[in-house]
Amino acid sequence: MEMAHTYVPGSKRGRGLAARLCDAAFAHARERGMRVLPTCSYISETYLPRNPEWNELVITEKEPKPSSM
Protein backbone atom coordinates (compact mmCIF):
# COMPACT_ATOMS: atom_id res chain seq x y z
CA MET A 1 0.00 0.00 0.00
CA GLU A 2 1.58 3.26 -1.07
CA MET A 3 1.20 6.17 1.33
CA ALA A 4 1.85 9.04 -1.03
CA HIS A 5 0.62 12.12 0.77
CA THR A 6 -0.56 13.23 4.19
CA TYR A 7 -2.39 16.54 4.20
CA VAL A 8 -3.84 18.50 7.10
CA PRO A 9 -5.25 22.00 6.46
CA GLY A 10 -3.21 24.81 7.98
CA SER A 11 -5.99 25.69 10.41
CA LYS A 12 -5.92 22.13 11.83
CA ARG A 13 -2.14 21.60 12.05
CA GLY A 14 -0.37 21.05 15.34
CA ARG A 15 -3.17 18.89 16.76
CA GLY A 16 -1.71 15.48 15.95
CA LEU A 17 -4.15 14.82 13.11
CA ALA A 18 -1.50 13.66 10.64
CA ALA A 19 -0.21 11.15 13.18
CA ARG A 20 -3.73 9.87 13.82
CA LEU A 21 -4.27 9.50 10.08
CA CYS A 22 -1.03 7.52 9.84
CA ASP A 23 -1.98 5.37 12.84
CA ALA A 24 -5.22 4.42 11.10
CA ALA A 25 -3.53 3.78 7.75
CA PHE A 26 -0.84 1.53 9.26
CA ALA A 27 -3.45 -0.34 11.30
CA HIS A 28 -5.48 -0.84 8.10
CA ALA A 29 -2.41 -2.24 6.34
CA ARG A 30 -1.57 -4.57 9.23
CA GLU A 31 -5.13 -5.88 9.54
CA ARG A 32 -5.14 -6.76 5.84
CA GLY A 33 -1.65 -8.25 5.67
CA MET A 34 -0.36 -5.43 3.48
CA ARG A 35 3.11 -3.91 3.26
CA VAL A 36 3.59 -0.14 3.14
CA LEU A 37 5.58 1.99 0.70
CA PRO A 38 5.83 5.42 2.40
CA THR A 39 6.53 7.98 -0.33
CA CYS A 40 5.16 10.82 1.81
CA SER A 41 8.01 12.78 3.43
CA TYR A 42 6.04 13.32 6.65
CA ILE A 43 5.61 9.57 7.10
CA SER A 44 9.19 8.61 6.28
CA GLU A 45 10.96 11.52 7.97
CA THR A 46 8.74 12.32 10.97
CA TYR A 47 6.09 9.70 11.69
CA LEU A 48 8.14 6.49 11.36
CA PRO A 49 11.10 7.70 13.46
CA ARG A 50 8.58 8.55 16.20
CA ASN A 51 6.65 5.28 15.74
CA PRO A 52 9.19 2.54 14.99
CA GLU A 53 6.67 -0.20 15.85
CA TRP A 54 5.36 0.15 12.28
CA ASN A 55 8.76 -0.43 10.62
CA GLU A 56 8.01 -4.14 10.16
CA LEU A 57 5.37 -3.20 7.56
CA VAL A 58 7.60 -0.85 5.57
CA ILE A 59 8.97 -2.02 2.24
CA THR A 60 12.73 -1.49 2.30
CA GLU A 61 15.00 -0.52 -0.57
CA LYS A 62 16.25 -4.13 -0.73
CA GLU A 63 12.78 -5.52 -1.41
CA PRO A 64 11.20 -5.52 -4.85
CA LYS A 65 8.62 -2.78 -5.28
CA PRO A 66 5.05 -3.88 -6.02
CA SER A 67 4.17 -3.62 -9.69
CA SER A 68 1.56 -1.14 -10.88
CA MET A 69 -1.71 -2.39 -12.26
PDB file of N, CA and C in Angstrom:
ATOM      1  N   MET A   1       0.850  -1.161   0.000  1.00  0.00           N
ATOM      2  CA  MET A   1       0.000   0.000   0.000  1.00  0.00           C
ATOM      3  C   MET A   1       0.899   1.228   0.000  1.00  0.00           C
ATOM      4  N   GLU A   2       0.779   2.040  -1.025  1.00  0.00           N
ATOM      5  CA  GLU A   2       1.582   3.261  -1.071  1.00  0.00           C
ATOM      6  C   GLU A   2       0.904   4.359  -0.269  1.00  0.00           C
ATOM      7  N   MET A   3       1.677   5.006   0.584  1.00  0.00           N
ATOM      8  CA  MET A   3       1.198   6.172   1.330  1.00  0.00           C
ATOM      9  C   MET A   3       1.919   7.365   0.724  1.00  0.00           C
ATOM     10  N   ALA A   4       1.222   8.010  -0.209  1.00  0.00           N
ATOM     11  CA  ALA A   4       1.851   9.036  -1.034  1.00  0.00           C
ATOM     12  C   ALA A   4       1.788  10.445  -0.460  1.00  0.00           C
ATOM     13  N   HIS A   5       0.756  10.747   0.311  1.00  0.00           N
ATOM     14  CA  HIS A   5       0.622  12.123   0.773  1.00  0.00           C
ATOM     15  C   HIS A   5      -0.231  12.179   2.033  1.00  0.00           C
ATOM     16  N   THR A   6       0.201  12.978   2.976  1.00  0.00           N
ATOM     17  CA  THR A   6      -0.562  13.229   4.194  1.00  0.00           C
ATOM     18  C   THR A   6      -0.815  14.728   4.234  1.00  0.00           C
ATOM     19  N   TYR A   7      -2.073  15.116   4.215  1.00  0.00           N
ATOM     20  CA  TYR A   7      -2.389  16.545   4.204  1.00  0.00           C
ATOM     21  C   TYR A   7      -3.336  16.894   5.345  1.00  0.00           C
ATOM     22  N   VAL A   8      -2.977  17.934   6.061  1.00  0.00           N
ATOM     23  CA  VAL A   8      -3.839  18.500   7.097  1.00  0.00           C
ATOM     24  C   VAL A   8      -3.915  19.998   6.809  1.00  0.00           C
ATOM     25  N   PRO A   9      -5.122  20.559   6.718  1.00  0.00           N
ATOM     26  CA  PRO A   9      -5.251  21.997   6.463  1.00  0.00           C
ATOM     27  C   PRO A   9      -4.504  22.822   7.511  1.00  0.00           C
ATOM     28  N   GLY A  10      -3.980  23.942   7.093  1.00  0.00           N
ATOM     29  CA  GLY A  10      -3.214  24.809   7.984  1.00  0.00           C
ATOM     30  C   GLY A  10      -3.927  25.136   9.281  1.00  0.00           C
ATOM     31  N   SER A  11      -5.227  25.332   9.205  1.00  0.00           N
ATOM     32  CA  SER A  11      -5.994  25.688  10.408  1.00  0.00           C
ATOM     33  C   SER A  11      -6.117  24.536  11.405  1.00  0.00           C
ATOM     34  N   LYS A  12      -5.795  23.317  10.968  1.00  0.00           N
ATOM     35  CA  LYS A  12      -5.921  22.133  11.832  1.00  0.00           C
ATOM     36  C   LYS A  12      -4.563  21.553  12.241  1.00  0.00           C
ATOM     37  N   ARG A  13      -3.478  22.139  11.764  1.00  0.00           N
ATOM     38  CA  ARG A  13      -2.137  21.601  12.049  1.00  0.00           C
ATOM     39  C   ARG A  13      -1.754  21.805  13.509  1.00  0.00           C
ATOM     40  N   GLY A  14      -0.844  20.945  13.966  1.00  0.00           N
ATOM     41  CA  GLY A  14      -0.368  21.046  15.337  1.00  0.00           C
ATOM     42  C   GLY A  14      -1.262  20.348  16.350  1.00  0.00           C
ATOM     43  N   ARG A  15      -2.240  19.585  15.868  1.00  0.00           N
ATOM     44  CA  ARG A  15      -3.169  18.885  16.760  1.00  0.00           C
ATOM     45  C   ARG A  15      -2.982  17.373  16.737  1.00  0.00           C
ATOM     46  N   GLY A  16      -1.965  16.914  16.020  1.00  0.00           N
ATOM     47  CA  GLY A  16      -1.713  15.478  15.954  1.00  0.00           C
ATOM     48  C   GLY A  16      -2.584  14.740  14.953  1.00  0.00           C
ATOM     49  N   LEU A  17      -3.256  15.466  14.064  1.00  0.00           N
ATOM     50  CA  LEU A  17      -4.153  14.819  13.112  1.00  0.00           C
ATOM     51  C   LEU A  17      -3.413  13.976  12.082  1.00  0.00           C
ATOM     52  N   ALA A  18      -2.268  14.448  11.611  1.00  0.00           N
ATOM     53  CA  ALA A  18      -1.496  13.665  10.637  1.00  0.00           C
ATOM     54  C   ALA A  18      -1.048  12.340  11.257  1.00  0.00           C
ATOM     55  N   ALA A  19      -0.624  12.381  12.497  1.00  0.00           N
ATOM     56  CA  ALA A  19      -0.206  11.152  13.176  1.00  0.00           C
ATOM     57  C   ALA A  19      -1.383  10.196  13.354  1.00  0.00           C
ATOM     58  N   ARG A  20      -2.549  10.724  13.673  1.00  0.00           N
ATOM     59  CA  ARG A  20      -3.734   9.870  13.824  1.00  0.00           C
ATOM     60  C   ARG A  20      -4.129   9.249  12.489  1.00  0.00           C
ATOM     61  N   LEU A  21      -4.001  10.025  11.416  1.00  0.00           N
ATOM     62  CA  LEU A  21      -4.272   9.498  10.080  1.00  0.00           C
ATOM     63  C   LEU A  21      -3.303   8.361   9.756  1.00  0.00           C
ATOM     64  N   CYS A  22      -2.034   8.560  10.076  1.00  0.00           N
ATOM     65  CA  CYS A  22      -1.027   7.523   9.836  1.00  0.00           C
ATOM     66  C   CYS A  22      -1.282   6.292  10.708  1.00  0.00           C
ATOM     67  N   ASP A  23      -1.651   6.499  11.965  1.00  0.00           N
ATOM     68  CA  ASP A  23      -1.982   5.372  12.842  1.00  0.00           C
ATOM     69  C   ASP A  23      -3.062   4.501  12.203  1.00  0.00           C
ATOM     70  N   ALA A  24      -4.108   5.150  11.709  1.00  0.00           N
ATOM     71  CA  ALA A  24      -5.219   4.416  11.098  1.00  0.00           C
ATOM     72  C   ALA A  24      -4.788   3.715   9.814  1.00  0.00           C
ATOM     73  N   ALA A  25      -3.976   4.376   9.001  1.00  0.00           N
ATOM     74  CA  ALA A  25      -3.530   3.777   7.746  1.00  0.00           C
ATOM     75  C   ALA A  25      -2.633   2.566   7.997  1.00  0.00           C
ATOM     76  N   PHE A  26      -1.713   2.672   8.950  1.00  0.00           N
ATOM     77  CA  PHE A  26      -0.839   1.533   9.260  1.00  0.00           C
ATOM     78  C   PHE A  26      -1.638   0.390   9.881  1.00  0.00           C
ATOM     79  N   ALA A  27      -2.596   0.704  10.721  1.00  0.00           N
ATOM     80  CA  ALA A  27      -3.447  -0.343  11.302  1.00  0.00           C
ATOM     81  C   ALA A  27      -4.244  -1.043  10.201  1.00  0.00           C
ATOM     82  N   HIS A  28      -4.753  -0.289   9.248  1.00  0.00           N
ATOM     83  CA  HIS A  28      -5.480  -0.840   8.101  1.00  0.00           C
ATOM     84  C   HIS A  28      -4.580  -1.813   7.339  1.00  0.00           C
ATOM     85  N   ALA A  29      -3.354  -1.386   7.067  1.00  0.00           N
ATOM     86  CA  ALA A  29      -2.412  -2.240   6.343  1.00  0.00           C
ATOM     87  C   ALA A  29      -2.124  -3.521   7.125  1.00  0.00           C
ATOM     88  N   ARG A  30      -1.875  -3.395   8.414  1.00  0.00           N
ATOM     89  CA  ARG A  30      -1.566  -4.567   9.235  1.00  0.00           C
ATOM     90  C   ARG A  30      -2.738  -5.543   9.259  1.00  0.00           C
ATOM     91  N   GLU A  31      -3.943  -5.029   9.466  1.00  0.00           N
ATOM     92  CA  GLU A  31      -5.133  -5.881   9.539  1.00  0.00           C
ATOM     93  C   GLU A  31      -5.370  -6.667   8.249  1.00  0.00           C
ATOM     94  N   ARG A  32      -4.910  -6.126   7.134  1.00  0.00           N
ATOM     95  CA  ARG A  32      -5.139  -6.760   5.844  1.00  0.00           C
ATOM     96  C   ARG A  32      -3.903  -7.458   5.285  1.00  0.00           C
ATOM     97  N   GLY A  33      -2.861  -7.549   6.095  1.00  0.00           N
ATOM     98  CA  GLY A  33      -1.646  -8.251   5.671  1.00  0.00           C
ATOM     99  C   GLY A  33      -0.895  -7.534   4.563  1.00  0.00           C
ATOM    100  N   MET A  34      -1.006  -6.221   4.524  1.00  0.00           N
ATOM    101  CA  MET A  34      -0.359  -5.434   3.476  1.00  0.00           C
ATOM    102  C   MET A  34       0.975  -4.886   3.949  1.00  0.00           C
ATOM    103  N   ARG A  35       1.862  -4.620   2.998  1.00  0.00           N
ATOM    104  CA  ARG A  35       3.111  -3.908   3.263  1.00  0.00           C
ATOM    105  C   ARG A  35       2.905  -2.462   2.860  1.00  0.00           C
ATOM    106  N   VAL A  36       3.749  -1.566   3.365  1.00  0.00           N
ATOM    107  CA  VAL A  36       3.592  -0.135   3.138  1.00  0.00           C
ATOM    108  C   VAL A  36       4.816   0.440   2.430  1.00  0.00           C
ATOM    109  N   LEU A  37       4.547   1.239   1.404  1.00  0.00           N
ATOM    110  CA  LEU A  37       5.581   1.986   0.701  1.00  0.00           C
ATOM    111  C   LEU A  37       5.336   3.465   1.010  1.00  0.00           C
ATOM    112  N   PRO A  38       6.074   4.033   1.996  1.00  0.00           N
ATOM    113  CA  PRO A  38       5.827   5.416   2.397  1.00  0.00           C
ATOM    114  C   PRO A  38       6.578   6.407   1.506  1.00  0.00           C
ATOM    115  N   THR A  39       5.902   6.972   0.529  1.00  0.00           N
ATOM    116  CA  THR A  39       6.532   7.978  -0.329  1.00  0.00           C
ATOM    117  C   THR A  39       6.250   9.395   0.162  1.00  0.00           C
ATOM    118  N   CYS A  40       5.449   9.528   1.183  1.00  0.00           N
ATOM    119  CA  CYS A  40       5.163  10.823   1.813  1.00  0.00           C
ATOM    120  C   CYS A  40       6.323  11.182   2.751  1.00  0.00           C
ATOM    121  N   SER A  41       6.864  12.386   2.595  1.00  0.00           N
ATOM    122  CA  SER A  41       8.009  12.781   3.429  1.00  0.00           C
ATOM    123  C   SER A  41       7.643  12.865   4.914  1.00  0.00           C
ATOM    124  N   TYR A  42       6.426  13.265   5.240  1.00  0.00           N
ATOM    125  CA  TYR A  42       6.039  13.319   6.652  1.00  0.00           C
ATOM    126  C   TYR A  42       6.115  11.923   7.267  1.00  0.00           C
ATOM    127  N   ILE A  43       5.610  10.931   6.562  1.00  0.00           N
ATOM    128  CA  ILE A  43       5.609   9.571   7.105  1.00  0.00           C
ATOM    129  C   ILE A  43       7.030   9.053   7.259  1.00  0.00           C
ATOM    130  N   SER A  44       7.842   9.180   6.216  1.00  0.00           N
ATOM    131  CA  SER A  44       9.186   8.608   6.279  1.00  0.00           C
ATOM    132  C   SER A  44      10.152   9.389   7.161  1.00  0.00           C
ATOM    133  N   GLU A  45       9.996  10.704   7.229  1.00  0.00           N
ATOM    134  CA  GLU A  45      10.959  11.525   7.968  1.00  0.00           C
ATOM    135  C   GLU A  45      10.521  11.892   9.388  1.00  0.00           C
ATOM    136  N   THR A  46       9.233  11.899   9.650  1.00  0.00           N
ATOM    137  CA  THR A  46       8.744  12.320  10.967  1.00  0.00           C
ATOM    138  C   THR A  46       7.985  11.205  11.685  1.00  0.00           C
ATOM    139  N   TYR A  47       6.965  10.670  11.028  1.00  0.00           N
ATOM    140  CA  TYR A  47       6.091   9.703  11.695  1.00  0.00           C
ATOM    141  C   TYR A  47       6.821   8.400  12.045  1.00  0.00           C
ATOM    142  N   LEU A  48       7.491   7.785  11.083  1.00  0.00           N
ATOM    143  CA  LEU A  48       8.137   6.492  11.365  1.00  0.00           C
ATOM    144  C   LEU A  48       9.254   6.579  12.401  1.00  0.00           C
ATOM    145  N   PRO A  49      10.101   7.607  12.375  1.00  0.00           N
ATOM    146  CA  PRO A  49      11.098   7.699  13.456  1.00  0.00           C
ATOM    147  C   PRO A  49      10.462   7.808  14.849  1.00  0.00           C
ATOM    148  N   ARG A  50       9.285   8.408  14.926  1.00  0.00           N
ATOM    149  CA  ARG A  50       8.584   8.547  16.201  1.00  0.00           C
ATOM    150  C   ARG A  50       7.756   7.308  16.556  1.00  0.00           C
ATOM    151  N   ASN A  51       7.501   6.456  15.564  1.00  0.00           N
ATOM    152  CA  ASN A  51       6.648   5.276  15.744  1.00  0.00           C
ATOM    153  C   ASN A  51       7.292   4.045  15.109  1.00  0.00           C
ATOM    154  N   PRO A  52       8.454   3.635  15.611  1.00  0.00           N
ATOM    155  CA  PRO A  52       9.193   2.540  14.986  1.00  0.00           C
ATOM    156  C   PRO A  52       8.479   1.189  15.024  1.00  0.00           C
ATOM    157  N   GLU A  53       7.408   1.070  15.802  1.00  0.00           N
ATOM    158  CA  GLU A  53       6.675  -0.199  15.851  1.00  0.00           C
ATOM    159  C   GLU A  53       6.059  -0.559  14.499  1.00  0.00           C
ATOM    160  N   TRP A  54       5.937   0.422  13.599  1.00  0.00           N
ATOM    161  CA  TRP A  54       5.360   0.150  12.278  1.00  0.00           C
ATOM    162  C   TRP A  54       6.421  -0.232  11.245  1.00  0.00           C
ATOM    163  N   ASN A  55       7.689  -0.159  11.583  1.00  0.00           N
ATOM    164  CA  ASN A  55       8.758  -0.433  10.616  1.00  0.00           C
ATOM    165  C   ASN A  55       8.676  -1.822   9.990  1.00  0.00           C
ATOM    166  N   GLU A  56       8.105  -2.772  10.707  1.00  0.00           N
ATOM    167  CA  GLU A  56       8.010  -4.138  10.161  1.00  0.00           C
ATOM    168  C   GLU A  56       7.116  -4.198   8.923  1.00  0.00           C
ATOM    169  N   LEU A  57       6.261  -3.216   8.729  1.00  0.00           N
ATOM    170  CA  LEU A  57       5.367  -3.195   7.560  1.00  0.00           C
ATOM    171  C   LEU A  57       5.964  -2.459   6.367  1.00  0.00           C
ATOM    172  N   VAL A  58       7.034  -1.704   6.604  1.00  0.00           N
ATOM    173  CA  VAL A  58       7.597  -0.846   5.566  1.00  0.00           C
ATOM    174  C   VAL A  58       8.429  -1.656   4.575  1.00  0.00           C
ATOM    175  N   ILE A  59       8.179  -1.404   3.295  1.00  0.00           N
ATOM    176  CA  ILE A  59       8.972  -2.018   2.238  1.00  0.00           C
ATOM    177  C   ILE A  59      10.318  -1.310   2.218  1.00  0.00           C
ATOM    178  N   THR A  60      11.387  -2.078   2.292  1.00  0.00           N
ATOM    179  CA  THR A  60      12.728  -1.494   2.305  1.00  0.00           C
ATOM    180  C   THR A  60      13.273  -1.404   0.884  1.00  0.00           C
ATOM    181  N   GLU A  61      14.377  -0.682   0.735  1.00  0.00           N
ATOM    182  CA  GLU A  61      15.004  -0.525  -0.574  1.00  0.00           C
ATOM    183  C   GLU A  61      15.472  -1.863  -1.139  1.00  0.00           C
ATOM    184  N   LYS A  62      15.748  -2.827  -0.292  1.00  0.00           N
ATOM    185  CA  LYS A  62      16.249  -4.125  -0.731  1.00  0.00           C
ATOM    186  C   LYS A  62      15.142  -5.026  -1.286  1.00  0.00           C
ATOM    187  N   GLU A  63      13.908  -4.704  -0.960  1.00  0.00           N
ATOM    188  CA  GLU A  63      12.777  -5.516  -1.408  1.00  0.00           C
ATOM    189  C   GLU A  63      12.289  -5.039  -2.776  1.00  0.00           C
ATOM    190  N   PRO A  64      11.779  -5.954  -3.576  1.00  0.00           N
ATOM    191  CA  PRO A  64      11.202  -5.518  -4.850  1.00  0.00           C
ATOM    192  C   PRO A  64       9.952  -4.692  -4.612  1.00  0.00           C
ATOM    193  N   LYS A  65       9.805  -3.631  -5.392  1.00  0.00           N
ATOM    194  CA  LYS A  65       8.621  -2.776  -5.280  1.00  0.00           C
ATOM    195  C   LYS A  65       7.434  -3.475  -5.936  1.00  0.00           C
ATOM    196  N   PRO A  66       6.233  -3.276  -5.397  1.00  0.00           N
ATOM    197  CA  PRO A  66       5.055  -3.876  -6.024  1.00  0.00           C
ATOM    198  C   PRO A  66       4.839  -3.280  -7.413  1.00  0.00           C
ATOM    199  N   SER A  67       4.400  -4.104  -8.341  1.00  0.00           N
ATOM    200  CA  SER A  67       4.168  -3.616  -9.687  1.00  0.00           C
ATOM    201  C   SER A  67       2.851  -2.856  -9.762  1.00  0.00           C
ATOM    202  N   SER A  68       2.784  -1.899 -10.675  1.00  0.00           N
ATOM    203  CA  SER A  68       1.556  -1.139 -10.880  1.00  0.00           C
ATOM    204  C   SER A  68       0.589  -1.962 -11.692  1.00  0.00           C
ATOM    205  N   MET A  69      -0.682  -1.675 -11.498  1.00  0.00           N
ATOM    206  CA  MET A  69      -1.712  -2.391 -12.256  1.00  0.00           C
ATOM    207  C   MET A  69      -1.965  -1.713 -13.568  1.00  0.00           C
TER     208      MET A  69
END
